Structures are given as C-alpha cells and as structure tokens.
Protein backbone atom coordinates (compact mmCIF):
# COMPACT_ATOMS: atom_id res chain seq x y z
CA MET A 1 0.00 0.00 0.00
CA SER A 2 1.32 3.45 -0.88
CA LEU A 3 1.48 6.39 1.51
CA TYR A 4 -1.29 8.03 -0.51
CA ASP A 5 -3.53 4.96 -0.16
CA ASP A 6 -2.77 4.77 3.56
CA ALA A 7 -3.70 8.45 4.02
CA VAL A 8 -7.01 7.98 2.19
CA LEU A 9 -7.80 4.95 4.35
CA VAL A 10 -6.84 6.76 7.57
CA LEU A 11 -8.99 9.75 6.65
CA LYS A 12 -11.98 7.62 5.65
CA ARG A 13 -11.82 5.93 9.08
CA TYR A 14 -11.52 9.23 10.95
CA GLU A 15 -14.98 10.02 12.29
CA ASP A 16 -14.51 13.47 13.80
CA GLN A 17 -14.47 16.80 11.94
CA PRO A 18 -16.42 15.41 8.93
CA GLU A 19 -16.34 18.60 6.86
CA LEU A 20 -12.59 19.01 7.22
CA ARG A 21 -12.00 15.28 6.69
CA ASP A 22 -14.02 15.44 3.46
CA LEU A 23 -12.01 18.47 2.33
CA TYR A 24 -8.79 16.47 2.85
CA LEU A 25 -10.21 13.54 0.86
CA GLU A 26 -11.35 15.86 -1.96
CA HIS A 27 -7.88 17.41 -2.02
CA LEU A 28 -6.24 14.01 -2.37
CA ALA A 29 -8.70 12.94 -5.07
CA ALA A 30 -7.87 16.08 -7.07
CA HIS A 31 -4.12 15.98 -6.38
CA PRO A 32 -2.39 12.59 -6.58
CA ASP A 33 0.78 14.43 -5.50
CA GLY A 34 -1.02 15.98 -2.50
CA MET A 35 1.01 14.05 0.05
CA TYR A 36 4.22 15.95 -0.61
CA LYS A 37 5.61 19.47 -0.29
CA PRO A 38 5.89 20.15 -4.07
CA CYS A 39 2.08 20.13 -4.41
CA GLN A 40 1.40 23.87 -4.57
CA ALA A 41 -2.33 23.50 -3.93
CA GLY A 42 -1.41 22.23 -0.46
CA HIS A 43 -0.17 19.00 1.00
CA ILE A 44 -0.79 16.56 3.80
CA THR A 45 1.50 16.83 6.81
CA GLY A 46 1.83 14.59 9.83
CA SER A 47 2.33 15.82 13.35
CA ALA A 48 2.31 14.45 16.86
CA LEU A 49 1.86 16.12 20.19
CA VAL A 50 4.39 14.52 22.54
CA ILE A 51 2.61 13.98 25.81
CA ASP A 52 3.79 12.69 29.18
CA PRO A 53 0.56 11.63 30.92
CA ALA A 54 2.38 10.64 34.12
CA GLY A 55 3.95 14.08 34.39
CA GLY A 56 0.89 16.01 33.19
CA ARG A 57 2.86 17.79 30.50
CA VAL A 58 3.43 18.14 26.76
CA LEU A 59 6.61 18.79 24.81
CA LEU A 60 6.48 21.72 22.40
CA THR A 61 9.02 23.03 19.93
CA LEU A 62 9.67 26.70 19.23
CA HIS A 63 9.47 26.55 15.45
CA LYS A 64 12.55 28.02 13.79
CA LYS A 65 10.75 29.73 10.89
CA LEU A 66 7.48 30.69 12.58
CA GLY A 67 8.75 31.57 16.06
CA ILE A 68 5.75 29.95 17.79
CA TRP A 69 5.34 26.94 20.09
CA LEU A 70 3.95 23.94 18.21
CA GLN A 71 3.69 20.16 18.36
CA MET A 72 6.31 18.15 16.48
CA GLY A 73 5.52 17.58 12.82
CA GLY A 74 6.21 18.22 9.21
CA HIS A 75 6.25 16.97 5.68
CA CYS A 76 5.82 13.44 4.47
CA GLU A 77 8.95 11.96 2.92
CA PRO A 78 9.24 9.45 0.06
CA GLU A 79 10.44 6.75 2.48
CA ASP A 80 7.31 7.10 4.66
CA THR A 81 4.91 4.21 4.19
CA THR A 82 2.14 5.32 6.56
CA LEU A 83 0.82 8.64 7.76
CA ALA A 84 1.14 7.48 11.37
CA GLY A 85 4.74 6.52 10.67
CA ALA A 86 5.46 9.95 9.21
CA ALA A 87 4.02 11.65 12.30
CA LEU A 88 6.01 9.41 14.63
CA ARG A 89 9.21 9.95 12.60
CA GLU A 90 8.75 13.72 12.90
CA ALA A 91 8.11 13.41 16.64
CA VAL A 92 11.30 11.40 17.15
CA GLU A 93 13.41 13.69 14.94
CA GLU A 94 12.19 16.94 16.46
CA SER A 95 11.96 15.84 20.10
CA GLY A 96 15.28 14.02 20.19
CA ILE A 97 13.58 11.26 22.19
CA ALA A 98 15.27 8.33 20.49
CA SER A 99 13.29 5.51 22.07
CA GLY A 100 10.02 4.93 23.80
CA LEU A 101 7.66 7.21 21.90
CA THR A 102 4.46 5.42 20.89
CA LEU A 103 1.40 6.79 19.17
CA LEU A 104 -1.78 6.95 21.17
CA PRO A 105 -4.01 4.16 19.81
CA GLY A 106 -7.05 5.01 17.70
CA GLY A 107 -5.51 6.93 14.82
CA PRO A 108 -5.40 10.70 14.39
CA VAL A 109 -6.56 12.87 17.27
CA ARG A 110 -7.44 15.94 15.15
CA LEU A 111 -7.11 17.57 11.76
CA ASP A 112 -5.90 21.14 11.29
CA ARG A 113 -5.80 23.02 7.99
CA HIS A 114 -3.72 26.18 8.07
CA PRO A 115 -2.32 28.58 5.45
CA ILE A 116 1.38 28.64 4.68
CA PRO A 117 3.47 31.03 2.59
CA ALA A 118 3.58 30.72 -1.21
CA PRO A 119 4.30 28.87 -3.40
CA CYS A 120 2.36 26.28 -1.39
CA ASN A 121 -0.93 27.44 0.04
CA TRP A 122 -2.03 24.99 2.72
CA HIS A 123 -0.87 22.42 5.21
CA LEU A 124 -3.52 19.77 5.72
CA ASP A 125 -2.18 18.47 9.01
CA VAL A 126 -3.15 15.06 10.35
CA GLN A 127 -2.44 15.24 14.07
CA TYR A 128 -1.59 12.34 16.35
CA ALA A 129 -0.49 12.14 19.98
CA ALA A 130 2.76 10.41 20.92
CA LEU A 131 3.09 9.06 24.43
CA ALA A 132 6.49 9.65 26.02
CA PRO A 133 7.96 7.48 28.74
CA ALA A 134 8.10 9.20 32.14
CA ASP A 135 11.92 9.35 32.00
CA ALA A 136 12.08 10.77 28.45
CA VAL A 137 14.87 13.24 27.83
CA ALA A 138 14.29 15.66 24.97
CA GLU A 139 17.09 17.05 22.81
CA ILE A 140 16.70 20.11 20.64
CA SER A 141 17.00 19.59 16.89
CA GLU A 142 18.26 21.93 14.21
CA GLU A 143 14.62 22.61 13.23
CA SER A 144 13.85 24.29 16.57
CA LEU A 145 14.84 27.41 18.39
CA ASP A 146 13.89 25.78 21.68
CA LEU A 147 12.23 22.68 23.08
CA ARG A 148 10.33 22.70 26.35
CA TRP A 149 7.96 20.62 28.50
CA PHE A 150 4.81 22.56 29.42
CA PRO A 151 2.39 21.53 32.16
CA TYR A 152 -1.10 21.09 30.69
CA GLU A 153 -2.37 24.24 32.39
CA GLU A 154 0.37 26.42 30.80
CA VAL A 155 -0.12 25.38 27.16
CA ALA A 156 -2.86 27.94 26.42
CA ALA A 157 -0.58 30.79 27.49
CA ALA A 158 2.30 29.57 25.30
CA ALA A 159 0.73 28.11 22.16
CA ASP A 160 -2.07 28.92 19.73
CA THR A 161 -5.58 27.46 19.82
CA SER A 162 -4.76 24.63 17.40
CA VAL A 163 -2.22 23.22 19.87
CA VAL A 164 -4.64 23.70 22.78
CA ARG A 165 -7.38 21.83 20.87
CA LEU A 166 -4.96 19.03 20.03
CA MET A 167 -3.89 18.72 23.66
CA GLU A 168 -7.51 18.68 24.86
CA ALA A 169 -8.45 16.01 22.31
CA ALA A 170 -5.42 13.88 23.24
CA ARG A 171 -6.20 14.17 26.95
CA ALA A 172 -9.83 13.23 26.32
CA ARG A 173 -8.69 10.09 24.50
CA LEU A 174 -6.31 9.13 27.34
C-alpha cells in the first residue's frame, strides 16, 4: 500500500471533523501528489503532540521559521509508508527522544488546515499524539529554536488554539 492509499484509508476511518475530513479527501482525489511538499495546492503533513501523561505535560518546539510553540511535525517523505509513521518519525526527529515514543491508539486525534506562505498554500495536518515514557529526555533539533515541556495548564498561554485543541483532544482520548 502506498502512503497516498494509507492516508485515504486513515482519513476515511476518521470520524470526527467530517467537513474538514471530506475536504482532505477531496484534495487528495484532485491531487495525486497531495502528500508531498511540491504540491502547490497544499499538501498533507503529519504531526504528533508529545505527551507525558504521568507528568501532566506536553513537549512543544519553538518553530525556527514561525517563532511559535507547536507540536512536532512536518512533511511526508518518500520513504514514509504510513501517515502514522510519518508523524512518529517527525516526533522522534524533532523531540530528540530516540526511544520509547508510541502513538496513542485510535488513529489521528485531530485535523488542522492552516495557510502557509507561497508557493504552497495549505498544510492539511493530520495530528496524532505520541506518548512519552516518564523518563524521556528531549534534545533540541536543528529545526527548533527551543524545546520545552509545558504543564497542561500552561499550554494555552504559550501556544495557539490549534495546539490547545490538540492537547484537549489527546487528553480526552487518554
């Protein structure tokens, strides 16, 4: 199964946010290249909120280009075979947590469509939650200005509403 086919299957199984889910599926139907960055109409991205349920905290990255606190995530790569795998790969790369991250069961937690600078127009982000072991040690990557654990109650003051919604949805699923 190709990454494209996996993404279509994942999205068809996703039961929340039906209007946004359908928009993602329509995008993929119209753009066979819609999984990758070169698709100027927009492209699917995979992200994962790294969460430490035992510690009551989430790990956020201060995005190098945007200068805002976000979950780990980014573009699908040709070697990715599943959307979940792409999100987990991004979480490992950007968090520096080399072992122990596992995706919260049940598939994506949320979808978030947001504009990006030209020549591409949209990120169609498929958002997962990655559970971190209690003793996880994060290491900053070259894609971040900073990396920090935030207690649940401090996320709203640091990050935008999309991150807050993702955290709330992940906590509800826990």
